[in-house]
Amino acid sequence: MDDKYHCHHCKESLQGKKYVEKENQSYCVKCFDKFYANTCVECHLPIGADTKEVHYKGRFWHDTCFRCSKCSHTLASESFMAKDNNILCNNCAASTEETPKCKGCSKPFVAGDQNMQYKGSYWHKDCFICSNCKKIIGTDSFFAKGQEIYCATCHTAKFSKQCVKCAKPITSGGITYQNQPWHADCFVCVSCSKKLAEQHFTAVEDKYYCVECYKNFVAKKCAGCHNPITGFGKGTNVVAYEGLSWHDYCFNCKKCSTNLTNKRFVLYQQQAYCPECAKNVVN
């Protein structure tokens, strides 16, 4: 016997008869209506084979029973909203106090609306906009600042640190010198444009120099050896007197070469002498 052409329940032939297929089994209409039809959640009667059926999230209704639980308007061919297992038409859903409202326009959501959710608040998709430029953010990245929402571009421009040289936002990296922010590409030697980050440099009147440029163009020359006084390495300590400067190791008596650092000396014709040698030179 071919089960396909016989009712799975009563085994009667289905040849020339109307039948219903469910879960790959065939049933005569009588058996289907009595034993296998879904039950309407509204009237609790079987939904027969000759009746239109509406189903939503595992529940079933006769099409005539699928109505708004508040105003009884039929919804079989209309959009609807579900709230706490109740089916509501759009009008009743909009008038329900518990229905979430858009934070942007304060209007309720209706079925089919695309919406955005962030920290317990809801927006229509077209209402979720940047507080600064008013551009629709949609699914793009955004930043929240207090109660305000910003697109990535506006957040960067409004809240990122500004480079003291070019006045543009520092979006990543950057360095800080004397509590001032710089792009790494902006913090460079004023003479040769060499980047100064993680390098020795010298500041002179708000201008910054690498060691080589400072030596060649800015540093004072030692009155003893005539080489630049950089303040780096050997000769960090400097002796200065009446407009002249010496490395501390170069501050020696012109005649006897005694180092005069932290000692009495005599300056004669821009040369330093110890007191004893000065007696013979000056006299």
Protein backbone atom coordinates (compact mmCIF):
# COMPACT_ATOMS: atom_id res chain seq x y z
CA MET A 1 0.00 0.00 0.00
CA ASP A 2 1.39 3.37 -1.03
CA ASP A 3 1.18 5.59 2.08
CA LYS A 4 1.37 8.68 -0.09
CA TYR A 5 -2.14 8.03 -1.42
CA HIS A 6 -3.68 6.93 1.88
CA CYS A 7 -4.52 8.95 4.99
CA HIS A 8 -1.72 8.53 7.51
CA HIS A 9 -4.28 8.35 10.34
CA CYS A 10 -7.28 6.35 9.10
CA LYS A 11 -5.54 4.65 6.15
CA GLU A 12 -8.43 5.45 3.77
CA SER A 13 -7.54 6.02 0.13
CA LEU A 14 -7.03 9.64 -0.87
CA GLN A 15 -7.51 8.96 -4.59
CA GLY A 16 -9.74 11.68 -6.02
CA LYS A 17 -10.18 13.28 -2.59
CA LYS A 18 -8.97 16.54 -1.07
CA TYR A 19 -6.22 15.98 1.46
CA VAL A 20 -3.68 17.90 3.57
CA GLU A 21 0.05 17.35 3.88
CA LYS A 22 1.75 18.07 7.20
CA GLU A 23 5.28 17.12 8.21
CA ASN A 24 5.63 14.96 5.10
CA GLN A 25 2.49 12.98 5.90
CA SER A 26 -0.85 13.02 4.05
CA TYR A 27 -4.20 13.24 5.84
CA CYS A 28 -7.80 13.26 4.77
CA VAL A 29 -9.56 16.52 5.64
CA LYS A 30 -11.69 14.87 8.31
CA CYS A 31 -8.72 13.39 10.19
CA PHE A 32 -6.66 16.52 9.78
CA ASP A 33 -9.39 18.79 11.20
CA LYS A 34 -10.04 16.44 14.10
CA PHE A 35 -6.56 15.35 15.11
CA TYR A 36 -3.81 17.46 13.50
CA ALA A 37 -5.10 20.98 12.91
CA ASN A 38 -3.50 23.83 14.90
CA THR A 39 -5.62 25.38 17.63
CA CYS A 40 -6.53 29.07 17.44
CA VAL A 41 -5.14 30.94 20.48
CA GLU A 42 -8.14 33.28 20.40
CA CYS A 43 -11.20 31.00 20.11
CA HIS A 44 -9.43 27.75 21.06
CA LEU A 45 -11.05 25.88 18.16
CA PRO A 46 -9.18 23.87 15.51
CA ILE A 47 -8.10 25.75 12.39
CA GLY A 48 -9.51 23.48 9.71
CA ALA A 49 -8.05 22.74 6.33
CA ASP A 50 -10.59 24.99 4.63
CA THR A 51 -9.85 27.96 6.88
CA LYS A 52 -7.12 30.62 6.39
CA GLU A 53 -4.54 30.52 9.10
CA VAL A 54 -2.30 33.25 10.57
CA HIS A 55 0.79 32.28 12.56
CA TYR A 56 3.26 34.44 14.51
CA LYS A 57 6.09 33.29 16.76
CA GLY A 58 4.74 29.76 17.24
CA ARG A 59 1.11 30.81 17.79
CA PHE A 60 -1.82 30.30 15.41
CA TRP A 61 -5.11 32.09 14.70
CA HIS A 62 -8.04 31.83 12.33
CA ASP A 63 -7.63 34.81 10.02
CA THR A 64 -10.92 36.16 11.36
CA CYS A 65 -9.67 35.81 14.95
CA PHE A 66 -6.41 37.65 14.34
CA ARG A 67 -7.51 41.03 15.73
CA CYS A 68 -6.12 43.91 17.76
CA SER A 69 -6.48 42.95 21.42
CA LYS A 70 -7.48 46.52 22.24
CA CYS A 71 -9.87 47.67 19.49
CA SER A 72 -10.65 44.29 17.80
CA HIS A 73 -9.72 45.59 14.38
CA THR A 74 -8.88 42.67 12.06
CA LEU A 75 -5.17 42.45 11.27
CA ALA A 76 -4.87 39.43 8.98
CA SER A 77 -3.71 41.60 6.06
CA GLU A 78 -2.27 44.59 7.96
CA SER A 79 0.89 45.44 9.86
CA PHE A 80 0.80 45.07 13.64
CA MET A 81 2.92 45.17 16.79
CA ALA A 82 3.22 42.60 19.58
CA LYS A 83 3.43 43.73 23.20
CA ASP A 84 3.45 41.35 26.17
CA ASN A 85 1.86 38.57 24.05
CA ASN A 86 -0.86 40.99 22.89
CA ILE A 87 -1.35 41.84 19.25
CA LEU A 88 -1.96 45.56 18.61
CA CYS A 89 -2.79 47.56 15.52
CA ASN A 90 -0.47 50.47 14.80
CA ASN A 91 -2.91 53.06 16.17
CA CYS A 92 -3.39 51.28 19.47
CA ALA A 93 0.31 50.54 19.75
CA ALA A 94 1.07 54.24 19.26
CA SER A 95 -1.39 55.25 21.97
CA THR A 96 -0.03 52.77 24.50
CA GLU A 97 2.04 54.61 27.12
CA GLU A 98 4.57 51.80 27.35
CA THR A 99 5.31 51.88 23.64
CA PRO A 100 8.86 53.25 23.26
CA LYS A 101 9.11 56.63 21.59
CA CYS A 102 11.93 57.99 19.47
CA LYS A 103 14.32 60.12 21.49
CA GLY A 104 14.88 62.30 18.45
CA CYS A 105 11.33 63.19 17.36
CA SER A 106 9.34 61.89 20.40
CA LYS A 107 6.99 59.99 18.08
CA PRO A 108 6.13 56.33 18.74
CA PHE A 109 7.46 53.50 16.64
CA VAL A 110 5.14 51.61 14.33
CA ALA A 111 5.58 48.20 12.75
CA GLY A 112 8.22 48.19 10.07
CA ASP A 113 10.14 51.19 11.44
CA GLN A 114 13.90 50.81 11.43
CA ASN A 115 15.28 51.92 14.75
CA MET A 116 18.51 52.34 16.65
CA GLN A 117 19.02 51.49 20.31
CA TYR A 118 21.76 52.83 22.60
CA LYS A 119 21.88 52.65 26.40
CA GLY A 120 18.14 52.11 26.82
CA SER A 121 17.04 54.83 24.40
CA TYR A 122 15.56 54.40 20.93
CA TRP A 123 15.70 56.45 17.75
CA HIS A 124 14.14 56.15 14.32
CA LYS A 125 17.00 55.39 11.96
CA ASP A 126 16.62 58.80 10.30
CA CYS A 127 16.49 60.53 13.72
CA PHE A 128 19.77 59.07 14.94
CA ILE A 129 21.91 61.99 13.81
CA CYS A 130 25.13 63.73 14.80
CA SER A 131 24.49 66.51 17.31
CA ASN A 132 26.95 68.74 15.49
CA CYS A 133 26.61 68.27 11.71
CA LYS A 134 23.12 66.66 11.78
CA LYS A 135 24.26 63.88 9.45
CA ILE A 136 22.35 60.59 9.76
CA ILE A 137 24.72 58.20 11.52
CA GLY A 138 22.86 54.99 10.67
CA THR A 139 25.19 52.04 11.23
CA ASP A 140 28.39 54.11 11.08
CA SER A 141 30.60 54.46 14.15
CA PHE A 142 29.70 57.18 16.64
CA PHE A 143 30.73 58.61 20.02
CA ALA A 144 28.56 59.67 22.95
CA LYS A 145 29.49 62.72 25.02
CA GLY A 146 27.04 63.23 27.85
CA GLN A 147 23.61 63.34 26.22
CA GLU A 148 25.01 64.20 22.79
CA ILE A 149 25.83 61.80 19.94
CA TYR A 150 28.62 62.64 17.48
CA CYS A 151 29.78 61.08 14.23
CA ALA A 152 33.46 60.09 14.22
CA THR A 153 34.49 63.15 12.16
CA CYS A 154 32.79 65.71 14.40
CA HIS A 155 33.94 64.00 17.60
CA THR A 156 37.53 64.15 16.40
CA ALA A 157 37.26 67.81 15.40
CA LYS A 158 35.46 68.86 18.57
CA PHE A 159 37.16 66.88 21.31
CA SER A 160 40.59 65.74 20.09
CA LYS A 161 43.65 67.69 21.18
CA GLN A 162 44.80 70.29 18.67
CA CYS A 163 48.42 70.39 17.54
CA VAL A 164 49.97 73.69 18.68
CA LYS A 165 51.77 74.05 15.35
CA CYS A 166 49.18 73.18 12.68
CA ALA A 167 46.04 73.53 14.86
CA LYS A 168 44.63 70.28 13.42
CA PRO A 169 43.26 67.44 15.59
CA ILE A 170 45.64 64.77 16.85
CA THR A 171 43.74 61.56 16.14
CA SER A 172 46.47 59.08 17.05
CA GLY A 173 49.95 59.13 18.46
CA GLY A 174 51.35 62.59 18.95
CA ILE A 175 53.73 63.87 21.61
CA THR A 176 53.54 66.32 24.48
CA TYR A 177 56.22 68.83 25.40
CA GLN A 178 55.75 71.29 28.25
CA ASN A 179 52.07 70.32 28.44
CA GLN A 180 51.49 71.19 24.79
CA PRO A 181 50.34 68.58 22.22
CA TRP A 182 52.05 68.11 18.86
CA HIS A 183 51.78 65.80 15.88
CA ALA A 184 55.02 63.84 15.69
CA ASP A 185 55.43 65.19 12.13
CA CYS A 186 55.06 68.77 13.39
CA PHE A 187 57.54 68.57 16.25
CA VAL A 188 60.67 69.07 14.13
CA CYS A 189 63.89 71.05 14.07
CA VAL A 190 63.17 74.59 12.90
CA SER A 191 66.34 74.54 10.81
CA CYS A 192 66.54 71.12 9.12
CA SER A 193 63.01 69.74 9.80
CA LYS A 194 64.36 66.57 11.43
CA LYS A 195 61.80 64.92 13.72
CA LEU A 196 62.71 65.55 17.35
CA ALA A 197 60.60 62.88 19.06
CA GLU A 198 62.85 60.63 21.17
CA GLN A 199 65.88 62.75 20.15
CA HIS A 200 68.02 65.24 22.04
CA PHE A 201 67.00 68.78 21.16
CA THR A 202 67.25 72.30 22.51
CA ALA A 203 64.56 74.97 22.83
CA VAL A 204 65.53 78.57 22.18
CA GLU A 205 62.84 81.27 22.36
CA ASP A 206 60.06 78.77 21.53
CA LYS A 207 62.04 77.35 18.63
CA TYR A 208 63.34 73.81 18.65
CA TYR A 209 66.66 72.62 17.24
CA CYS A 210 68.26 69.23 16.81
CA VAL A 211 71.74 68.89 18.36
CA GLU A 212 73.61 69.41 15.08
CA CYS A 213 71.68 72.51 14.04
CA TYR A 214 71.96 73.95 17.53
CA LYS A 215 75.73 73.42 17.45
CA ASN A 216 76.15 74.94 14.01
CA PHE A 217 73.76 77.87 14.11
CA VAL A 218 72.70 78.77 17.64
CA ALA A 219 75.07 77.63 20.36
CA LYS A 220 77.57 80.04 21.84
CA LYS A 221 81.21 79.24 21.16
CA CYS A 222 83.53 78.41 24.01
CA ALA A 223 86.04 81.25 24.55
CA GLY A 224 88.61 78.58 25.34
CA CYS A 225 88.33 75.92 22.60
CA HIS A 226 86.01 77.85 20.23
CA ASN A 227 83.72 74.81 19.87
CA PRO A 228 79.95 75.12 20.46
CA ILE A 229 78.62 74.84 23.98
CA THR A 230 75.64 72.51 23.59
CA GLY A 231 74.87 71.42 27.14
CA PHE A 232 75.03 67.78 26.01
CA GLY A 233 77.59 65.19 27.05
CA LYS A 234 80.97 66.43 28.30
CA GLY A 235 80.86 70.08 29.20
CA THR A 236 77.33 70.18 30.50
CA ASN A 237 78.47 72.74 33.07
CA VAL A 238 79.19 76.17 31.64
CA VAL A 239 81.03 79.21 32.99
CA ALA A 240 79.77 82.59 31.80
CA TYR A 241 81.25 86.00 32.56
CA GLU A 242 80.81 89.43 30.93
CA GLY A 243 79.27 88.01 27.75
CA LEU A 244 81.83 85.24 27.37
CA SER A 245 81.20 81.51 27.91
CA TRP A 246 83.47 78.52 28.50
CA HIS A 247 83.05 74.80 28.92
CA ASP A 248 83.90 74.24 32.58
CA TYR A 249 86.89 72.09 31.52
CA CYS A 250 88.09 74.88 29.19
CA PHE A 251 87.95 77.62 31.82
CA ASN A 252 91.72 77.57 32.45
CA CYS A 253 94.37 80.15 33.15
CA LYS A 254 95.72 81.39 29.83
CA LYS A 255 99.30 81.22 31.09
CA CYS A 256 99.60 78.28 33.50
CA SER A 257 96.51 76.26 32.41
CA THR A 258 95.19 75.88 35.95
CA ASN A 259 91.44 75.19 35.83
CA LEU A 260 89.66 78.21 37.28
CA THR A 261 86.17 76.76 37.74
CA ASN A 262 84.84 77.87 41.14
CA LYS A 263 88.09 79.78 41.78
CA ARG A 264 89.14 83.42 41.76
CA PHE A 265 90.33 84.69 38.38
CA VAL A 266 91.15 87.85 36.47
CA LEU A 267 89.77 88.60 33.00
CA TYR A 268 92.19 90.60 30.89
CA GLN A 269 91.67 91.27 27.19
CA GLN A 270 89.01 88.51 27.11
CA GLN A 271 91.42 85.96 28.56
CA ALA A 272 91.17 84.37 31.99
CA TYR A 273 94.17 84.24 34.34
CA CYS A 274 94.72 82.91 37.81
CA PRO A 275 95.57 85.69 40.31
CA GLU A 276 99.31 84.90 40.31
CA CYS A 277 99.69 84.87 36.52
CA ALA A 278 97.54 87.96 36.26
CA LYS A 279 100.08 89.95 38.27
CA ASN A 280 102.73 89.43 35.61
CA VAL A 281 100.39 89.92 32.63
CA VAL A 282 98.46 92.96 33.83
CA ASN A 283 101.58 94.69 35.21
